[in-house]
Protein backbone atom coordinates (compact mmCIF):
# COMPACT_ATOMS: atom_id res chain seq x y z
CA MET A 1 73.32 123.22 47.78
CA THR A 2 71.57 126.56 47.37
CA PRO A 3 73.66 129.65 47.93
CA PRO A 4 72.57 131.73 50.90
CA THR A 5 70.57 134.84 50.16
CA ALA A 6 71.94 138.14 51.27
CA PRO A 7 70.15 139.56 54.28
CA LYS A 8 68.05 142.59 53.59
CA HIS A 9 69.09 145.70 55.41
CA HIS A 10 66.35 146.98 57.69
CA LEU A 11 66.59 150.51 56.20
CA ILE A 12 66.15 149.39 52.61
CA GLN A 13 62.56 149.06 51.59
CA GLU A 14 61.43 147.43 48.42
CA LYS A 15 59.50 149.89 46.32
CA PRO A 16 56.34 148.81 44.56
CA PHE A 17 56.48 148.59 40.80
CA MET A 18 56.03 152.02 39.29
CA SER A 19 54.52 152.45 35.90
CA THR A 20 56.67 154.16 33.33
CA THR A 21 53.78 154.75 30.98
CA ALA A 22 54.35 158.03 29.24
CA VAL A 23 51.70 160.70 29.48
CA ALA A 24 51.29 162.97 26.49
CA PRO A 25 52.43 166.50 27.35
CA LEU A 26 50.29 169.56 26.95
CA THR A 27 50.58 170.55 23.28
CA THR A 28 50.17 173.89 21.58
CA GLN A 29 46.92 172.53 20.14
CA ASP A 30 45.74 171.74 23.69
CA ALA A 31 46.83 175.19 24.82
CA GLU A 32 44.95 176.91 22.02
CA ALA A 33 41.85 174.86 22.85
CA LEU A 34 42.11 175.91 26.50
CA VAL A 35 42.42 179.58 25.53
CA ALA A 36 39.46 179.34 23.17
CA ALA A 37 37.24 177.60 25.73
CA ALA A 38 38.11 180.10 28.47
CA ARG A 39 37.44 183.03 26.13
CA ARG A 40 34.08 181.56 25.05
CA ALA A 41 33.07 181.21 28.70
CA ALA A 42 34.15 184.79 29.43
CA GLU A 43 32.41 186.16 26.34
CA SER A 44 29.17 184.44 27.33
CA ALA A 45 29.39 186.30 30.66
CA ASP A 46 30.31 189.55 28.85
CA VAL A 47 33.71 189.70 30.58
CA THR A 48 36.98 190.63 28.85
CA VAL A 49 39.95 188.56 30.02
CA SER A 50 43.52 187.50 29.48
CA VAL A 51 44.30 183.79 29.35
CA THR A 52 47.70 182.17 29.89
CA VAL A 53 48.59 178.49 29.41
CA LEU A 54 51.88 177.07 30.72
CA ASP A 55 53.38 173.62 30.13
CA ALA A 56 54.60 171.40 32.98
CA GLY A 57 57.95 173.20 33.02
CA GLY A 58 56.31 176.58 33.45
CA HIS A 59 56.98 177.64 29.86
CA LEU A 60 54.45 179.75 27.97
CA LEU A 61 52.43 177.74 25.45
CA ALA A 62 49.64 180.21 24.72
CA PHE A 63 48.52 183.69 25.71
CA ARG A 64 45.64 185.89 24.63
CA ARG A 65 44.42 189.25 25.96
CA ASP A 66 41.07 190.57 24.80
CA ASP A 67 41.34 194.01 23.24
CA ARG A 68 39.35 195.65 26.02
CA ALA A 69 40.77 193.65 28.92
CA VAL A 70 42.57 195.65 31.58
CA LEU A 71 46.29 195.63 30.91
CA ILE A 72 47.28 194.10 34.23
CA SER A 73 45.11 191.05 33.48
CA GLY A 74 47.93 189.72 31.28
CA GLU A 75 50.28 189.66 34.24
CA THR A 76 47.70 188.30 36.67
CA SER A 77 46.66 185.48 34.34
CA THR A 78 50.29 184.41 33.97
CA ARG A 79 50.98 184.53 37.70
CA LYS A 80 47.80 182.60 38.47
CA ALA A 81 48.81 179.86 36.01
CA TYR A 82 52.33 179.73 37.48
CA THR A 83 51.01 179.47 41.04
CA ALA A 84 48.54 176.71 40.14
CA LEU A 85 51.34 174.83 38.37
CA GLN A 86 53.93 175.14 41.13
CA LEU A 87 51.54 174.13 43.91
CA ASN A 88 49.46 171.74 41.77
CA ALA A 89 46.26 173.26 43.08
CA PRO A 90 43.64 175.74 41.92
CA THR A 91 44.55 179.19 43.21
CA ALA A 92 40.97 179.51 44.49
CA ASP A 93 41.81 176.74 46.99
CA LEU A 94 44.94 178.57 48.18
CA VAL A 95 43.54 182.00 49.01
CA ASP A 96 42.92 181.20 52.70
CA ALA A 97 46.33 179.53 53.05
CA VAL A 98 48.16 182.86 52.60
CA GLN A 99 46.02 184.81 55.06
CA PRO A 100 47.56 185.67 58.47
CA GLY A 101 47.78 182.45 60.45
CA GLY A 102 47.57 180.31 57.29
CA PRO A 103 50.22 177.69 56.48
CA PHE A 104 51.53 179.68 53.48
CA HIS A 105 51.20 183.13 55.07
CA THR A 106 54.80 184.14 54.28
CA LEU A 107 55.11 182.26 50.99
CA PRO A 108 54.19 185.17 48.68
CA THR A 109 57.03 187.30 50.07
CA ALA A 110 59.51 184.55 51.02
CA LEU A 111 60.16 183.39 47.47
CA ASP A 112 61.36 185.41 44.54
CA ARG A 113 58.71 183.85 42.30
CA PRO A 114 55.70 185.26 40.48
CA LEU A 115 53.11 183.66 42.73
CA LEU A 116 49.60 185.10 42.94
CA PHE A 117 47.04 183.74 45.36
CA ILE A 118 43.87 184.98 43.68
CA ALA A 119 41.28 182.66 42.13
CA GLY A 120 41.71 182.04 38.39
CA GLY A 121 44.61 179.57 38.14
CA VAL A 122 43.91 175.87 37.60
CA PRO A 123 46.34 172.98 37.05
CA VAL A 124 45.83 170.73 34.02
CA HIS A 125 46.16 166.97 34.49
CA ARG A 126 46.21 164.09 32.04
CA ASP A 127 45.91 160.52 33.31
CA GLY A 128 46.45 161.81 36.83
CA ARG A 129 49.67 163.65 36.04
CA LEU A 130 50.30 167.37 36.06
CA ILE A 131 50.96 168.56 32.49
CA GLY A 132 50.45 172.31 32.78
CA ALA A 133 48.19 175.08 34.04
CA ILE A 134 45.82 177.77 32.85
CA GLY A 135 45.37 181.22 34.34
CA VAL A 136 42.56 183.67 33.65
CA GLY A 137 42.54 187.32 34.70
CA GLY A 138 40.28 190.26 34.05
CA GLY A 139 37.01 189.36 35.71
CA ALA A 140 36.13 188.96 39.35
CA PRO A 141 38.24 186.17 40.90
CA GLU A 142 35.26 183.80 41.05
CA GLN A 143 34.53 184.45 37.37
CA ASP A 144 38.15 183.88 36.38
CA HIS A 145 38.15 180.59 38.28
CA SER A 146 34.94 179.50 36.59
CA PHE A 147 36.30 180.34 33.12
CA ALA A 148 39.52 178.37 33.81
CA VAL A 149 37.63 175.34 35.16
CA THR A 150 35.31 175.41 32.13
CA ALA A 151 38.33 175.37 29.83
CA VAL A 152 39.99 172.45 31.61
CA GLU A 153 36.75 170.47 31.58
CA ALA A 154 36.33 171.16 27.86
CA LEU A 155 39.82 169.80 27.19
CA GLY A 156 38.77 166.56 28.82
């Protein structure tokens, strides 16, 4: 005789198998490659910038400010990277969301976090997983965004 199976509770759902495949984290070598690629892109446009790279935990992996870059660009590049990391989205895609009537309108002042909703921050993914972010400051927002995207694409 086969023992009866326990009834499944209607609130318990079986979860599909989740892969536990490890994804390599963003390394200092990756971070330095991102900084170099962003700086090359900025130099080719004759723009001086600051570049910040954060790991998935929001910790600084690399930072570089061009000698002639405006001083505040160091802070803006870091905040752009942090914002892109925390929201897992390019900051260029979030600008409208913080305008009056937008879904994140109060977010910049509601949290005690260094968020900055100006284009130039881009998350970095590997195998579909968030592993860090890059922020570029010093040029026009559209330029900063372009330099950050170029760097992420160069990393592959």
